N, C-alpha and C. Protein backbone atom coordinates (compact mmCIF):
# COMPACT_ATOMS: atom_id res chain seq x y z
N MET A 1 213.28 248.54 8.45
CA MET A 1 213.89 249.73 7.93
C MET A 1 214.24 249.68 6.64
N ALA A 2 214.12 250.68 5.89
CA ALA A 2 214.59 250.99 4.56
C ALA A 2 216.16 251.10 4.44
N ARG A 3 216.79 251.03 3.41
CA ARG A 3 218.26 251.32 3.22
C ARG A 3 218.28 252.84 3.20
N GLY A 4 219.22 253.06 3.69
CA GLY A 4 219.47 254.50 3.78
C GLY A 4 218.65 255.44 4.61
N MET A 5 218.21 254.86 5.16
CA MET A 5 216.92 255.71 6.01
C MET A 5 217.85 255.73 7.71
N GLN A 6 217.71 256.52 8.28
CA GLN A 6 218.46 256.57 9.31
C GLN A 6 217.16 256.74 10.74
N PHE A 7 217.66 255.68 11.87
CA PHE A 7 217.05 255.35 12.99
C PHE A 7 216.80 256.52 13.75
N ASN A 8 215.17 256.73 13.63
CA ASN A 8 215.18 258.27 14.34
C ASN A 8 214.86 257.64 15.75
N HIS A 9 215.77 257.75 16.78
CA HIS A 9 215.63 257.41 18.19
C HIS A 9 214.74 258.08 18.93
N GLU A 10 214.44 259.14 18.63
CA GLU A 10 213.66 260.35 19.65
C GLU A 10 212.07 259.53 18.99
N ARG A 11 211.67 259.45 17.73
CA ARG A 11 210.30 258.87 17.66
C ARG A 11 209.98 257.63 17.98
N ALA A 12 211.30 256.83 17.78
CA ALA A 12 210.90 255.64 18.30
C ALA A 12 211.07 255.45 19.91
N ALA A 13 211.13 256.08 20.56
CA ALA A 13 211.36 256.22 21.78
C ALA A 13 209.83 256.89 22.48
N LEU A 14 209.38 257.65 21.96
CA LEU A 14 207.88 258.21 21.72
C LEU A 14 206.93 257.17 21.80
N ILE A 15 207.08 256.23 20.21
CA ILE A 15 206.26 255.04 20.02
C ILE A 15 206.52 254.09 21.50
N LEU A 16 207.62 254.04 21.76
CA LEU A 16 207.19 252.94 22.47
C LEU A 16 206.91 253.43 24.20
N CYS A 17 206.78 255.03 24.33
CA CYS A 17 205.95 255.15 25.49
C CYS A 17 204.80 255.13 25.27
N ASP A 18 204.33 255.40 24.18
CA ASP A 18 203.08 255.49 24.11
C ASP A 18 202.43 253.96 24.18
N ALA A 19 202.99 253.18 23.49
CA ALA A 19 202.72 251.84 24.00
C ALA A 19 202.37 251.13 25.37
N ALA A 20 203.49 251.90 25.93
CA ALA A 20 203.67 251.17 27.26
C ALA A 20 202.55 252.04 27.97
N PHE A 21 201.71 253.05 27.78
CA PHE A 21 200.67 253.54 28.41
C PHE A 21 199.34 253.22 28.06
N VAL A 22 199.31 253.28 26.28
CA VAL A 22 197.95 253.02 25.74
C VAL A 22 197.92 251.53 24.77
N GLY A 23 198.74 250.99 24.88
CA GLY A 23 198.87 249.52 24.36
C GLY A 23 199.54 249.84 22.56
N ASP A 24 199.92 248.55 22.34
CA ASP A 24 200.30 248.70 20.91
C ASP A 24 199.34 249.00 19.90
N THR A 25 198.20 248.46 20.08
CA THR A 25 197.29 248.93 18.60
C THR A 25 196.98 250.37 18.49
N LYS A 26 196.58 250.57 19.62
CA LYS A 26 196.26 252.36 19.60
C LYS A 26 197.25 252.97 19.12
N THR A 27 198.74 252.67 19.60
CA THR A 27 199.76 253.23 19.25
C THR A 27 200.11 253.40 17.95
N SER A 28 200.16 251.86 17.48
CA SER A 28 200.40 251.73 15.81
C SER A 28 199.48 252.69 14.91
N GLN A 29 198.22 252.61 15.42
CA GLN A 29 197.07 253.56 14.63
C GLN A 29 197.73 255.08 14.80
N LYS A 30 198.03 255.46 15.63
CA LYS A 30 198.22 256.64 16.05
C LYS A 30 199.69 257.34 15.36
N TRP A 31 200.20 256.41 15.40
CA TRP A 31 201.70 256.81 14.75
C TRP A 31 202.15 256.24 13.36
N GLY A 32 201.07 255.62 12.67
CA GLY A 32 201.05 254.87 11.42
C GLY A 32 202.03 253.83 11.20
N VAL A 33 202.11 253.18 12.33
CA VAL A 33 203.38 252.13 12.02
C VAL A 33 202.74 250.62 12.38
N THR A 34 203.53 249.65 12.43
CA THR A 34 202.90 248.12 12.22
C THR A 34 203.08 247.78 13.78
N LEU A 35 202.41 246.78 14.23
CA LEU A 35 202.92 246.11 15.39
C LEU A 35 204.23 245.26 15.48
N ARG A 36 204.19 245.29 14.14
CA ARG A 36 206.00 244.71 14.30
C ARG A 36 207.03 245.44 14.46
N THR A 37 206.70 246.53 13.88
CA THR A 37 207.58 247.89 14.17
C THR A 37 207.94 248.31 15.66
N ILE A 38 206.66 248.27 16.21
CA ILE A 38 206.91 248.59 17.97
C ILE A 38 207.46 246.79 18.64
N ALA A 39 207.15 245.85 18.13
CA ALA A 39 208.33 244.97 18.76
C ALA A 39 209.68 245.10 18.30
N ASN A 40 209.80 245.31 16.99
CA ASN A 40 211.43 245.82 16.54
C ASN A 40 211.85 246.51 17.70
N TYR A 41 211.13 247.75 17.60
CA TYR A 41 211.51 249.10 18.79
C TYR A 41 212.16 248.00 20.01
N ARG A 42 211.30 247.48 20.47
CA ARG A 42 211.48 246.70 21.74
C ARG A 42 212.71 246.04 21.65
N GLU A 43 212.71 245.10 20.90
CA GLU A 43 214.11 244.50 20.83
C GLU A 43 215.30 245.18 20.57
N ARG A 44 215.01 246.26 19.84
CA ARG A 44 216.43 247.27 19.94
C ARG A 44 216.76 247.89 21.39
N LEU A 45 215.98 248.04 21.96
CA LEU A 45 216.12 248.47 23.39
C LEU A 45 217.33 247.86 23.59
N GLY A 46 217.28 246.26 23.87
CA GLY A 46 218.50 245.69 24.29
C GLY A 46 219.89 245.48 23.66
N ASN A 47 219.64 245.87 22.37
CA ASN A 47 221.17 246.15 21.84
C ASN A 47 221.52 247.26 21.53
N ASP A 48 220.68 248.73 21.81
CA ASP A 48 221.35 250.08 21.53
C ASP A 48 221.33 250.57 22.85
N PRO A 49 222.43 250.84 23.35
CA PRO A 49 222.31 251.77 24.61
C PRO A 49 221.95 253.32 24.71
N ILE A 50 221.86 253.60 23.45
CA ILE A 50 221.83 255.08 23.53
C ILE A 50 220.04 255.21 23.32
N PHE A 51 219.69 254.16 22.47
CA PHE A 51 218.20 254.24 22.19
C PHE A 51 217.59 253.70 23.50
N SER A 52 217.92 252.87 24.11
CA SER A 52 217.53 252.25 25.54
C SER A 52 217.53 253.48 26.73
N ASN A 53 218.48 254.48 26.77
CA ASN A 53 218.56 255.56 27.75
C ASN A 53 217.51 256.55 27.44
N LEU A 54 217.40 256.76 26.26
CA LEU A 54 216.35 257.78 25.48
C LEU A 54 215.18 257.42 26.04
N PHE A 55 214.78 256.04 25.74
CA PHE A 55 213.43 255.30 26.24
C PHE A 55 213.37 255.64 27.78
N GLN A 56 214.24 255.32 28.62
CA GLN A 56 214.15 255.13 30.02
C GLN A 56 213.76 256.88 30.31
N LEU A 57 214.42 257.73 29.79
CA LEU A 57 214.56 259.15 30.35
C LEU A 57 212.96 259.65 29.71
N LYS A 58 212.35 259.15 28.57
CA LYS A 58 211.21 259.85 28.52
C LYS A 58 210.07 259.31 29.02
N ARG A 59 210.21 257.69 29.18
CA ARG A 59 209.15 257.11 30.10
C ARG A 59 209.27 257.52 31.49
N ARG A 60 210.30 257.84 32.04
CA ARG A 60 210.45 258.73 33.20
C ARG A 60 209.60 259.84 33.58
N ALA A 61 209.83 260.61 32.48
CA ALA A 61 209.26 262.01 32.50
C ALA A 61 207.81 261.67 32.21
N LEU A 62 207.22 261.05 31.56
CA LEU A 62 206.00 260.62 31.44
C LEU A 62 205.33 260.15 32.94
N GLU A 63 205.69 259.36 33.41
CA GLU A 63 205.18 258.66 34.51
C GLU A 63 205.06 259.82 35.58
N GLU A 64 206.61 260.90 35.62
CA GLU A 64 206.61 261.85 36.67
C GLU A 64 205.13 262.68 36.45
N ASN A 65 205.04 263.17 35.27
CA ASN A 65 203.58 263.77 34.78
C ASN A 65 202.61 263.57 35.03
N TRP A 66 202.35 262.04 34.91
CA TRP A 66 201.13 261.21 35.15
C TRP A 66 201.11 261.24 36.68
N LYS A 67 201.97 261.41 37.34
CA LYS A 67 202.03 261.42 39.07
C LYS A 67 201.43 262.46 39.46
N GLU A 68 202.04 263.69 38.90
CA GLU A 68 201.58 264.66 39.33
C GLU A 68 199.97 265.20 39.15
N GLU A 69 200.04 264.67 37.84
CA GLU A 69 198.48 264.79 37.38
C GLU A 69 197.39 263.88 38.20
N LEU A 70 197.91 263.12 38.69
CA LEU A 70 197.06 262.24 39.69
C LEU A 70 196.94 262.91 41.18
N ALA A 71 197.97 263.56 41.62
CA ALA A 71 198.14 263.98 42.82
C ALA A 71 197.34 265.19 42.83
N ARG A 72 197.33 266.05 41.76
CA ARG A 72 196.33 267.24 41.21
C ARG A 72 195.02 267.00 41.39
N ALA A 73 194.66 265.70 40.74
CA ALA A 73 193.47 265.33 40.83
C ALA A 73 192.75 265.19 42.29
N ILE A 74 193.55 264.48 42.95
CA ILE A 74 192.97 263.96 44.47
C ILE A 74 192.71 265.11 45.19
N THR A 75 193.53 266.21 44.83
CA THR A 75 193.85 267.54 45.70
C THR A 75 192.34 268.15 45.41
N THR A 76 192.39 268.28 43.97
CA THR A 76 191.12 268.98 43.39
C THR A 76 189.63 268.06 44.16
N GLY A 77 189.84 267.14 44.26
CA GLY A 77 188.63 266.09 44.67
C GLY A 77 188.51 266.65 46.16
N VAL A 78 189.40 266.66 46.81
CA VAL A 78 189.40 266.80 48.19
C VAL A 78 188.68 268.09 48.65
N LYS A 79 189.07 269.06 47.97
CA LYS A 79 188.82 270.69 47.87
C LYS A 79 187.40 270.73 47.51
N LYS A 80 187.20 270.14 46.72
CA LYS A 80 185.63 270.07 46.34
C LYS A 80 184.83 269.45 47.32
N MET A 81 185.14 268.45 48.06
CA MET A 81 184.55 267.70 49.04
C MET A 81 184.28 269.05 49.92
N ALA A 82 185.40 269.45 50.34
CA ALA A 82 185.15 270.41 51.79
C ALA A 82 184.52 271.62 51.29
N ARG A 83 184.33 272.25 50.13
CA ARG A 83 183.41 273.06 49.62
C ARG A 83 182.06 272.71 49.61
N MET A 84 182.06 271.43 49.41
CA MET A 84 180.13 271.50 49.09
C MET A 84 179.90 271.13 50.84
N ILE A 85 180.64 270.62 51.74
CA ILE A 85 180.30 270.39 52.99
C ILE A 85 180.17 271.95 53.47
N ASP A 86 181.23 272.53 53.40
CA ASP A 86 181.21 274.21 53.76
C ASP A 86 180.04 274.98 53.44
N ALA A 87 179.50 274.56 52.24
CA ALA A 87 178.44 275.77 51.45
C ALA A 87 176.94 275.30 52.14
N ALA A 88 176.99 274.22 52.51
CA ALA A 88 175.61 273.52 53.11
C ALA A 88 175.17 274.35 54.38
N PRO A 89 174.11 275.03 54.36
CA PRO A 89 173.94 275.86 55.81
C PRO A 89 173.77 274.64 57.07
N GLU A 90 173.97 275.16 58.23
CA GLU A 90 173.75 274.41 59.47
C GLU A 90 172.37 273.73 59.27
N GLY A 91 172.63 272.38 59.52
CA GLY A 91 171.19 271.74 59.64
C GLY A 91 170.29 271.26 58.22
N TYR A 92 171.28 271.92 57.09
CA TYR A 92 170.62 271.73 55.75
C TYR A 92 171.64 270.18 55.25
N ASP A 93 170.49 269.53 54.83
CA ASP A 93 170.59 268.07 54.08
C ASP A 93 171.05 268.63 52.63
N PHE A 94 172.20 268.75 52.11
CA PHE A 94 173.13 269.16 51.21
C PHE A 94 173.10 267.85 50.28
N ASN A 95 173.05 268.29 48.91
CA ASN A 95 173.24 267.39 47.91
C ASN A 95 174.25 265.87 48.31
N ALA A 96 173.58 264.89 48.83
CA ALA A 96 174.53 263.85 49.26
C ALA A 96 174.91 262.97 48.18
N THR A 97 174.17 262.97 46.95
CA THR A 97 174.71 262.41 45.41
C THR A 97 175.98 262.83 45.02
N ALA A 98 175.67 264.26 45.27
CA ALA A 98 177.00 264.95 44.33
C ALA A 98 178.28 264.63 44.95
N LEU A 99 177.87 264.67 46.48
CA LEU A 99 179.24 264.58 47.39
C LEU A 99 179.83 262.93 47.26
N GLU A 100 178.63 262.27 47.14
CA GLU A 100 179.13 260.50 47.19
C GLU A 100 179.82 260.60 45.69
N ALA A 101 179.52 261.28 44.66
CA ALA A 101 180.24 261.03 43.40
C ALA A 101 181.62 261.63 43.56
N VAL A 102 181.54 262.56 44.25
CA VAL A 102 183.09 263.09 44.37
C VAL A 102 183.89 262.71 45.11
N THR A 103 183.36 261.75 46.27
CA THR A 103 183.94 261.25 46.88
C THR A 103 184.64 259.50 46.44
N GLY A 104 183.66 259.33 45.60
CA GLY A 104 183.99 257.93 44.79
C GLY A 104 185.21 257.74 44.13
N ALA A 105 185.09 259.26 43.28
CA ALA A 105 186.13 259.54 42.57
C ALA A 105 187.34 259.95 43.05
N VAL A 106 187.60 260.37 43.99
CA VAL A 106 188.91 260.62 45.03
C VAL A 106 189.27 259.22 45.29
N LYS A 107 188.23 258.17 45.75
CA LYS A 107 188.43 256.92 46.17
C LYS A 107 189.49 256.40 45.34
N VAL A 108 188.80 256.37 44.09
CA VAL A 108 189.47 255.55 42.82
C VAL A 108 190.59 255.97 42.35
N LEU A 109 191.07 257.33 42.42
CA LEU A 109 192.08 258.25 42.23
C LEU A 109 193.42 257.71 43.27
N SER A 110 192.85 257.77 44.51
CA SER A 110 193.67 257.10 45.59
C SER A 110 194.04 255.73 45.33
N GLU A 111 193.48 255.12 44.93
CA GLU A 111 193.51 253.55 44.99
C GLU A 111 194.69 253.19 43.91
N ILE A 112 194.31 254.22 42.83
CA ILE A 112 195.58 254.00 41.47
C ILE A 112 196.70 254.49 42.10
N GLN A 113 196.81 255.67 43.15
CA GLN A 113 197.63 256.13 43.50
C GLN A 113 198.78 254.93 44.48
N ILE A 114 198.01 254.44 45.34
CA ILE A 114 198.69 253.49 46.09
C ILE A 114 199.14 252.40 45.52
N THR A 115 198.40 251.89 44.39
CA THR A 115 198.62 250.59 43.51
C THR A 115 199.91 250.88 43.11
N THR A 116 199.88 252.35 42.42
CA THR A 116 201.26 252.49 41.31
C THR A 116 202.30 252.50 42.48
N GLU A 117 202.24 253.16 43.50
CA GLU A 117 203.34 253.11 44.60
C GLU A 117 203.88 251.88 44.87
N VAL A 118 203.08 250.86 45.27
CA VAL A 118 203.04 249.71 45.70
C VAL A 118 203.83 248.97 44.43
N LEU A 119 203.55 248.98 43.39
CA LEU A 119 204.06 248.55 42.14
C LEU A 119 205.62 248.89 42.03
N ASN A 120 205.48 250.41 42.00
CA ASN A 120 207.23 250.67 42.03
C ASN A 120 208.07 250.19 43.08
N ALA A 121 207.32 250.50 44.01
CA ALA A 121 208.35 249.70 45.13
C ALA A 121 208.70 248.25 45.28
N GLY A 122 207.71 247.40 44.42
CA GLY A 122 208.21 246.08 44.12
C GLY A 122 209.62 246.25 43.12
N ASN A 123 209.21 247.15 42.03
CA ASN A 123 210.24 247.25 41.14
C ASN A 123 211.67 247.31 41.42
N VAL A 124 211.38 248.37 42.55
CA VAL A 124 212.86 248.67 43.22
C VAL A 124 213.51 247.77 43.59
N GLU A 125 212.80 246.91 44.71
CA GLU A 125 213.08 245.87 45.51
C GLU A 125 213.72 244.76 44.51
N GLN A 126 213.08 244.58 43.35
CA GLN A 126 213.33 243.53 42.43
C GLN A 126 215.22 244.00 41.50
N GLY A 127 214.97 245.29 41.68
CA GLY A 127 216.41 245.87 41.03
C GLY A 127 217.17 245.74 42.16
N GLN A 128 216.99 245.48 42.87
CA GLN A 128 218.04 245.56 44.56
C GLN A 128 218.50 244.44 44.76
N SER A 129 217.26 243.61 44.43
CA SER A 129 217.82 242.09 44.69
C SER A 129 218.79 241.71 43.28
N GLY A 130 218.31 242.14 42.32
CA GLY A 130 218.69 241.47 40.98
C GLY A 130 220.10 242.25 40.98
N ALA A 131 220.55 243.33 41.29
CA ALA A 131 222.21 243.91 41.48
C ALA A 131 223.21 243.15 42.75
N LYS A 132 222.36 242.78 43.94
CA LYS A 132 222.63 241.76 44.74
C LYS A 132 223.11 240.81 43.96
N GLU A 133 222.21 240.15 43.35
CA GLU A 133 222.61 238.79 42.98
C GLU A 133 223.83 239.03 41.74
N SER A 134 223.72 239.68 40.99
CA SER A 134 224.93 239.89 40.19
C SER A 134 226.37 240.20 40.82
N ARG A 135 225.87 241.14 42.09
CA ARG A 135 227.38 240.81 42.42
C ARG A 135 228.02 239.75 43.19
N ALA A 136 227.15 238.87 43.57
CA ALA A 136 227.26 237.55 44.16
C ALA A 136 227.92 236.79 43.04
N MET A 137 227.39 236.69 41.91
CA MET A 137 228.11 236.17 40.83
C MET A 137 229.02 236.48 40.33
N ALA A 138 229.65 237.59 40.59
CA ALA A 138 230.92 238.27 40.13
C ALA A 138 232.10 237.94 40.87
C-alpha cells in the first residue's frame, strides 16, 4: 500500500468475501487488485482484529443470503413440480421430461444444501473441540 493511503477495511473485507465465493482470480479481475493484494489482505486478518471482525460479519451476512436463496429455490422447484402434476388431467401422460428436469434441479439444490449443513456442522464441532483444547492447555 502506498504511503499516506488509509487502509480501507470495508473494501478489503468485501474483496475477501468475493474471493471466498468465486476465487482469487475472478475477484482480482473484478476489483482491479493483484493476487498478491488478496494474499496480503488474508494475512492482515490475523493481525488486525477490527478488519477480521468486519470480514467475519460480512461473510456471515453473505452466507445467510446465499442459504436463503437456496431454500427459496428449492421451495420454488417443489411448488413447480406440484403444479405440473396437478395440471395434468386424470389419466393424461403429462410432460415427464419437464418434470424430470425440475426434479433433477431440486435434487441438486437439496444436495448442495445438505452438504453445506454437514460442512458447517463440522466447522462448529472443530471450533468446540478447539475451545476445549484451549481451556485444557490453560
